[in-house]
Amino acid sequence: MKLHDRQLRDIYVDLLIEAAKKHPNLVIVEADLMKAAKTTGFAEVFPERTINVGVAEANMIGVAAGLSNMG
């Protein structure tokens, strides 16, 4: 399959998984859009590194800031 035959969301999640294998501190923070963004694939491989805050985008920013602060 050629790269241009794939959806950008599929490429995005594949690259996230690849990056997470190299960087153990990488996590994703979602706002209830896993199906739309197709990041369910990441959650299947790294369930402990997937945080879904629900429909709470403002809260998601705080969670991401806290995670970043902790390294």
PDB file of N, CA and C in Angstrom:
ATOM      1  N   MET A   1       0.837  -1.178   0.000  1.00  0.00           N
ATOM      2  CA  MET A   1       0.000   0.000   0.000  1.00  0.00           C
ATOM      3  C   MET A   1       0.884   1.244   0.000  1.00  0.00           C
ATOM      4  N   LYS A   2       0.568   2.153  -0.863  1.00  0.00           N
ATOM      5  CA  LYS A   2       1.328   3.392  -0.945  1.00  0.00           C
ATOM      6  C   LYS A   2       0.879   4.351   0.149  1.00  0.00           C
ATOM      7  N   LEU A   3       1.792   5.215   0.545  1.00  0.00           N
ATOM      8  CA  LEU A   3       1.512   6.166   1.614  1.00  0.00           C
ATOM      9  C   LEU A   3       0.293   7.024   1.301  1.00  0.00           C
ATOM     10  N   HIS A   4       0.163   7.461   0.058  1.00  0.00           N
ATOM     11  CA  HIS A   4      -0.952   8.344  -0.290  1.00  0.00           C
ATOM     12  C   HIS A   4      -2.290   7.608  -0.341  1.00  0.00           C
ATOM     13  N   ASP A   5      -2.271   6.284  -0.235  1.00  0.00           N
ATOM     14  CA  ASP A   5      -3.504   5.508  -0.200  1.00  0.00           C
ATOM     15  C   ASP A   5      -4.047   5.358   1.220  1.00  0.00           C
ATOM     16  N   ARG A   6      -3.294   5.810   2.201  1.00  0.00           N
ATOM     17  CA  ARG A   6      -3.690   5.667   3.605  1.00  0.00           C
ATOM     18  C   ARG A   6      -4.273   6.970   4.134  1.00  0.00           C
ATOM     19  N   GLN A   7      -5.171   6.847   5.086  1.00  0.00           N
ATOM     20  CA  GLN A   7      -5.719   8.035   5.734  1.00  0.00           C
ATOM     21  C   GLN A   7      -4.686   8.604   6.691  1.00  0.00           C
ATOM     22  N   LEU A   8      -4.687   9.914   6.820  1.00  0.00           N
ATOM     23  CA  LEU A   8      -3.740  10.589   7.701  1.00  0.00           C
ATOM     24  C   LEU A   8      -3.864  10.085   9.137  1.00  0.00           C
ATOM     25  N   ARG A   9      -5.086   9.790   9.577  1.00  0.00           N
ATOM     26  CA  ARG A   9      -5.288   9.284  10.941  1.00  0.00           C
ATOM     27  C   ARG A   9      -4.576   7.954  11.159  1.00  0.00           C
ATOM     28  N   ASP A  10      -4.562   7.096  10.151  1.00  0.00           N
ATOM     29  CA  ASP A  10      -3.872   5.807  10.270  1.00  0.00           C
ATOM     30  C   ASP A  10      -2.364   6.006  10.365  1.00  0.00           C
ATOM     31  N   ILE A  11      -1.845   6.911   9.577  1.00  0.00           N
ATOM     32  CA  ILE A  11      -0.415   7.221   9.621  1.00  0.00           C
ATOM     33  C   ILE A  11      -0.060   7.813  10.976  1.00  0.00           C
ATOM     34  N   TYR A  12      -0.907   8.712  11.478  1.00  0.00           N
ATOM     35  CA  TYR A  12      -0.701   9.361  12.775  1.00  0.00           C
ATOM     36  C   TYR A  12      -0.572   8.329  13.888  1.00  0.00           C
ATOM     37  N   VAL A  13      -1.505   7.388  13.960  1.00  0.00           N
ATOM     38  CA  VAL A  13      -1.461   6.406  15.051  1.00  0.00           C
ATOM     39  C   VAL A  13      -0.270   5.463  14.894  1.00  0.00           C
ATOM     40  N   ASP A  14       0.076   5.096  13.686  1.00  0.00           N
ATOM     41  CA  ASP A  14       1.258   4.248  13.474  1.00  0.00           C
ATOM     42  C   ASP A  14       2.525   4.953  13.949  1.00  0.00           C
ATOM     43  N   LEU A  15       2.637   6.241  13.655  1.00  0.00           N
ATOM     44  CA  LEU A  15       3.807   7.005  14.097  1.00  0.00           C
ATOM     45  C   LEU A  15       3.810   7.206  15.609  1.00  0.00           C
ATOM     46  N   LEU A  16       2.631   7.370  16.209  1.00  0.00           N
ATOM     47  CA  LEU A  16       2.544   7.468  17.669  1.00  0.00           C
ATOM     48  C   LEU A  16       3.037   6.183  18.328  1.00  0.00           C
ATOM     49  N   ILE A  17       2.615   5.047  17.810  1.00  0.00           N
ATOM     50  CA  ILE A  17       3.033   3.750  18.360  1.00  0.00           C
ATOM     51  C   ILE A  17       4.535   3.577  18.207  1.00  0.00           C
ATOM     52  N   GLU A  18       5.053   3.920  17.048  1.00  0.00           N
ATOM     53  CA  GLU A  18       6.496   3.825  16.808  1.00  0.00           C
ATOM     54  C   GLU A  18       7.266   4.716  17.785  1.00  0.00           C
ATOM     55  N   ALA A  19       6.800   5.936  17.972  1.00  0.00           N
ATOM     56  CA  ALA A  19       7.464   6.862  18.897  1.00  0.00           C
ATOM     57  C   ALA A  19       7.365   6.366  20.337  1.00  0.00           C
ATOM     58  N   ALA A  20       6.224   5.802  20.712  1.00  0.00           N
ATOM     59  CA  ALA A  20       6.036   5.315  22.080  1.00  0.00           C
ATOM     60  C   ALA A  20       6.948   4.131  22.387  1.00  0.00           C
ATOM     61  N   LYS A  21       7.259   3.339  21.387  1.00  0.00           N
ATOM     62  CA  LYS A  21       8.185   2.215  21.592  1.00  0.00           C
ATOM     63  C   LYS A  21       9.584   2.720  21.916  1.00  0.00           C
ATOM     64  N   LYS A  22       9.944   3.869  21.380  1.00  0.00           N
ATOM     65  CA  LYS A  22      11.269   4.451  21.610  1.00  0.00           C
ATOM     66  C   LYS A  22      11.311   5.334  22.851  1.00  0.00           C
ATOM     67  N   HIS A  23      10.170   5.888  23.231  1.00  0.00           N
ATOM     68  CA  HIS A  23      10.110   6.858  24.334  1.00  0.00           C
ATOM     69  C   HIS A  23       9.096   6.386  25.377  1.00  0.00           C
ATOM     70  N   PRO A  24       9.569   5.737  26.434  1.00  0.00           N
ATOM     71  CA  PRO A  24       8.649   5.150  27.421  1.00  0.00           C
ATOM     72  C   PRO A  24       7.819   6.164  28.203  1.00  0.00           C
ATOM     73  N   ASN A  25       8.165   7.429  28.169  1.00  0.00           N
ATOM     74  CA  ASN A  25       7.380   8.447  28.873  1.00  0.00           C
ATOM     75  C   ASN A  25       6.267   9.038  28.016  1.00  0.00           C
ATOM     76  N   LEU A  26       6.172   8.635  26.765  1.00  0.00           N
ATOM     77  CA  LEU A  26       5.156   9.188  25.878  1.00  0.00           C
ATOM     78  C   LEU A  26       3.783   8.622  26.232  1.00  0.00           C
ATOM     79  N   VAL A  27       2.835   9.504  26.457  1.00  0.00           N
ATOM     80  CA  VAL A  27       1.442   9.120  26.690  1.00  0.00           C
ATOM     81  C   VAL A  27       0.563   9.978  25.788  1.00  0.00           C
ATOM     82  N   ILE A  28      -0.661   9.529  25.563  1.00  0.00           N
ATOM     83  CA  ILE A  28      -1.605  10.373  24.840  1.00  0.00           C
ATOM     84  C   ILE A  28      -2.743  10.731  25.784  1.00  0.00           C
ATOM     85  N   VAL A  29      -3.212  11.953  25.653  1.00  0.00           N
ATOM     86  CA  VAL A  29      -4.342  12.443  26.437  1.00  0.00           C
ATOM     87  C   VAL A  29      -5.448  12.763  25.439  1.00  0.00           C
ATOM     88  N   GLU A  30      -6.586  12.129  25.623  1.00  0.00           N
ATOM     89  CA  GLU A  30      -7.703  12.243  24.687  1.00  0.00           C
ATOM     90  C   GLU A  30      -8.897  12.916  25.341  1.00  0.00           C
ATOM     91  N   ALA A  31      -9.715  13.556  24.537  1.00  0.00           N
ATOM     92  CA  ALA A  31     -10.957  14.169  25.015  1.00  0.00           C
ATOM     93  C   ALA A  31     -12.146  13.488  24.338  1.00  0.00           C
ATOM     94  N   ASP A  32     -12.251  12.187  24.536  1.00  0.00           N
ATOM     95  CA  ASP A  32     -13.359  11.376  24.022  1.00  0.00           C
ATOM     96  C   ASP A  32     -13.444  11.355  22.495  1.00  0.00           C
ATOM     97  N   LEU A  33     -12.299  11.418  21.838  1.00  0.00           N
ATOM     98  CA  LEU A  33     -12.274  11.408  20.368  1.00  0.00           C
ATOM     99  C   LEU A  33     -11.443  10.254  19.813  1.00  0.00           C
ATOM    100  N   MET A  34     -11.282   9.192  20.587  1.00  0.00           N
ATOM    101  CA  MET A  34     -10.405   8.103  20.162  1.00  0.00           C
ATOM    102  C   MET A  34     -10.875   7.436  18.868  1.00  0.00           C
ATOM    103  N   LYS A  35     -12.173   7.233  18.728  1.00  0.00           N
ATOM    104  CA  LYS A  35     -12.673   6.605  17.503  1.00  0.00           C
ATOM    105  C   LYS A  35     -12.476   7.519  16.300  1.00  0.00           C
ATOM    106  N   ALA A  36     -12.769   8.793  16.472  1.00  0.00           N
ATOM    107  CA  ALA A  36     -12.637   9.746  15.367  1.00  0.00           C
ATOM    108  C   ALA A  36     -11.182   9.931  14.955  1.00  0.00           C
ATOM    109  N   ALA A  37     -10.287   9.996  15.934  1.00  0.00           N
ATOM    110  CA  ALA A  37      -8.863  10.194  15.645  1.00  0.00           C
ATOM    111  C   ALA A  37      -8.154   8.876  15.353  1.00  0.00           C
ATOM    112  N   LYS A  38      -8.866   7.775  15.551  1.00  0.00           N
ATOM    113  CA  LYS A  38      -8.334   6.418  15.346  1.00  0.00           C
ATOM    114  C   LYS A  38      -7.156   6.096  16.263  1.00  0.00           C
ATOM    115  N   THR A  39      -7.125   6.709  17.429  1.00  0.00           N
ATOM    116  CA  THR A  39      -6.055   6.406  18.377  1.00  0.00           C
ATOM    117  C   THR A  39      -6.395   5.198  19.242  1.00  0.00           C
ATOM    118  N   THR A  40      -7.485   4.524  18.918  1.00  0.00           N
ATOM    119  CA  THR A  40      -7.802   3.283  19.618  1.00  0.00           C
ATOM    120  C   THR A  40      -6.698   2.257  19.398  1.00  0.00           C
ATOM    121  N   GLY A  41      -6.027   2.329  18.261  1.00  0.00           N
ATOM    122  CA  GLY A  41      -4.900   1.431  17.989  1.00  0.00           C
ATOM    123  C   GLY A  41      -3.775   1.634  18.987  1.00  0.00           C
ATOM    124  N   PHE A  42      -3.515   2.877  19.350  1.00  0.00           N
ATOM    125  CA  PHE A  42      -2.501   3.176  20.363  1.00  0.00           C
ATOM    126  C   PHE A  42      -2.945   2.616  21.708  1.00  0.00           C
ATOM    127  N   ALA A  43      -4.215   2.808  22.043  1.00  0.00           N
ATOM    128  CA  ALA A  43      -4.750   2.333  23.324  1.00  0.00           C
ATOM    129  C   ALA A  43      -4.686   0.816  23.430  1.00  0.00           C
ATOM    130  N   GLU A  44      -4.812   0.114  22.320  1.00  0.00           N
ATOM    131  CA  GLU A  44      -4.712  -1.348  22.341  1.00  0.00           C
ATOM    132  C   GLU A  44      -3.293  -1.799  22.645  1.00  0.00           C
ATOM    133  N   VAL A  45      -2.313  -1.080  22.126  1.00  0.00           N
ATOM    134  CA  VAL A  45      -0.907  -1.434  22.337  1.00  0.00           C
ATOM    135  C   VAL A  45      -0.410  -0.918  23.685  1.00  0.00           C
ATOM    136  N   PHE A  46      -0.812   0.288  24.057  1.00  0.00           N
ATOM    137  CA  PHE A  46      -0.350   0.934  25.292  1.00  0.00           C
ATOM    138  C   PHE A  46      -1.542   1.422  26.130  1.00  0.00           C
ATOM    139  N   PRO A  47      -2.344   0.525  26.670  1.00  0.00           N
ATOM    140  CA  PRO A  47      -3.511   0.982  27.442  1.00  0.00           C
ATOM    141  C   PRO A  47      -3.132   1.785  28.685  1.00  0.00           C
ATOM    142  N   GLU A  48      -1.994   1.456  29.280  1.00  0.00           N
ATOM    143  CA  GLU A  48      -1.558   2.154  30.495  1.00  0.00           C
ATOM    144  C   GLU A  48      -1.001   3.539  30.187  1.00  0.00           C
ATOM    145  N   ARG A  49      -0.817   3.853  28.908  1.00  0.00           N
ATOM    146  CA  ARG A  49      -0.267   5.148  28.503  1.00  0.00           C
ATOM    147  C   ARG A  49      -1.283   5.958  27.709  1.00  0.00           C
ATOM    148  N   THR A  50      -2.545   5.627  27.896  1.00  0.00           N
ATOM    149  CA  THR A  50      -3.639   6.321  27.227  1.00  0.00           C
ATOM    150  C   THR A  50      -4.576   6.880  28.291  1.00  0.00           C
ATOM    151  N   ILE A  51      -4.782   8.180  28.265  1.00  0.00           N
ATOM    152  CA  ILE A  51      -5.645   8.838  29.246  1.00  0.00           C
ATOM    153  C   ILE A  51      -6.789   9.504  28.496  1.00  0.00           C
ATOM    154  N   ASN A  52      -8.007   9.068  28.784  1.00  0.00           N
ATOM    155  CA  ASN A  52      -9.192   9.670  28.182  1.00  0.00           C
ATOM    156  C   ASN A  52      -9.895  10.473  29.268  1.00  0.00           C
ATOM    157  N   VAL A  53      -9.904  11.782  29.126  1.00  0.00           N
ATOM    158  CA  VAL A  53     -10.501  12.654  30.139  1.00  0.00           C
ATOM    159  C   VAL A  53     -11.985  12.898  29.892  1.00  0.00           C
ATOM    160  N   GLY A  54     -12.537  12.289  28.851  1.00  0.00           N
ATOM    161  CA  GLY A  54     -13.934  12.520  28.516  1.00  0.00           C
ATOM    162  C   GLY A  54     -14.103  13.868  27.834  1.00  0.00           C
ATOM    163  N   VAL A  55     -15.332  14.333  27.818  1.00  0.00           N
ATOM    164  CA  VAL A  55     -15.622  15.608  27.159  1.00  0.00           C
ATOM    165  C   VAL A  55     -15.236  16.724  28.130  1.00  0.00           C
ATOM    166  N   ALA A  56     -13.936  16.939  28.236  1.00  0.00           N
ATOM    167  CA  ALA A  56     -13.408  17.915  29.198  1.00  0.00           C
ATOM    168  C   ALA A  56     -12.087  18.466  28.677  1.00  0.00           C
ATOM    169  N   GLU A  57     -12.176  19.179  27.568  1.00  0.00           N
ATOM    170  CA  GLU A  57     -10.970  19.672  26.921  1.00  0.00           C
ATOM    171  C   GLU A  57     -10.141  20.577  27.821  1.00  0.00           C
ATOM    172  N   ALA A  58     -10.790  21.429  28.602  1.00  0.00           N
ATOM    173  CA  ALA A  58     -10.044  22.311  29.502  1.00  0.00           C
ATOM    174  C   ALA A  58      -9.295  21.489  30.547  1.00  0.00           C
ATOM    175  N   ASN A  59      -9.926  20.446  31.057  1.00  0.00           N
ATOM    176  CA  ASN A  59      -9.274  19.553  32.007  1.00  0.00           C
ATOM    177  C   ASN A  59      -8.097  18.836  31.342  1.00  0.00           C
ATOM    178  N   MET A  60      -8.247  18.493  30.073  1.00  0.00           N
ATOM    179  CA  MET A  60      -7.189  17.806  29.345  1.00  0.00           C
ATOM    180  C   MET A  60      -5.913  18.645  29.319  1.00  0.00           C
ATOM    181  N   ILE A  61      -6.045  19.945  29.181  1.00  0.00           N
ATOM    182  CA  ILE A  61      -4.883  20.835  29.184  1.00  0.00           C
ATOM    183  C   ILE A  61      -4.170  20.758  30.526  1.00  0.00           C
ATOM    184  N   GLY A  62      -4.930  20.761  31.608  1.00  0.00           N
ATOM    185  CA  GLY A  62      -4.334  20.649  32.940  1.00  0.00           C
ATOM    186  C   GLY A  62      -3.643  19.318  33.151  1.00  0.00           C
ATOM    187  N   VAL A  63      -4.255  18.240  32.685  1.00  0.00           N
ATOM    188  CA  VAL A  63      -3.647  16.911  32.800  1.00  0.00           C
ATOM    189  C   VAL A  63      -2.343  16.871  32.011  1.00  0.00           C
ATOM    190  N   ALA A  64      -2.369  17.365  30.783  1.00  0.00           N
ATOM    191  CA  ALA A  64      -1.162  17.372  29.949  1.00  0.00           C
ATOM    192  C   ALA A  64      -0.066  18.226  30.574  1.00  0.00           C
ATOM    193  N   ALA A  65      -0.431  19.364  31.146  1.00  0.00           N
ATOM    194  CA  ALA A  65       0.558  20.230  31.792  1.00  0.00           C
ATOM    195  C   ALA A  65       1.170  19.534  33.002  1.00  0.00           C
ATOM    196  N   GLY A  66       0.346  18.865  33.793  1.00  0.00           N
ATOM    197  CA  GLY A  66       0.853  18.135  34.952  1.00  0.00           C
ATOM    198  C   GLY A  66       1.776  17.000  34.557  1.00  0.00           C
ATOM    199  N   LEU A  67       1.401  16.257  33.528  1.00  0.00           N
ATOM    200  CA  LEU A  67       2.258  15.171  33.043  1.00  0.00           C
ATOM    201  C   LEU A  67       3.591  15.714  32.545  1.00  0.00           C
ATOM    202  N   SER A  68       3.534  16.811  31.814  1.00  0.00           N
ATOM    203  CA  SER A  68       4.751  17.425  31.297  1.00  0.00           C
ATOM    204  C   SER A  68       5.652  17.900  32.430  1.00  0.00           C
ATOM    205  N   ASN A  69       5.050  18.468  33.443  1.00  0.00           N
ATOM    206  CA  ASN A  69       5.806  18.967  34.590  1.00  0.00           C
ATOM    207  C   ASN A  69       6.516  17.832  35.329  1.00  0.00           C
ATOM    208  N   MET A  70       5.898  16.661  35.346  1.00  0.00           N
ATOM    209  CA  MET A  70       6.479  15.514  36.046  1.00  0.00           C
ATOM    210  C   MET A  70       7.504  14.770  35.186  1.00  0.00           C
ATOM    211  N   GLY A  71       7.547  15.086  33.902  1.00  0.00           N
ATOM    212  CA  GLY A  71       8.523  14.466  33.017  1.00  0.00           C
ATOM    213  C   GLY A  71       8.015  13.215  32.433  1.00  0.00           C
TER     214      GLY A  71
END
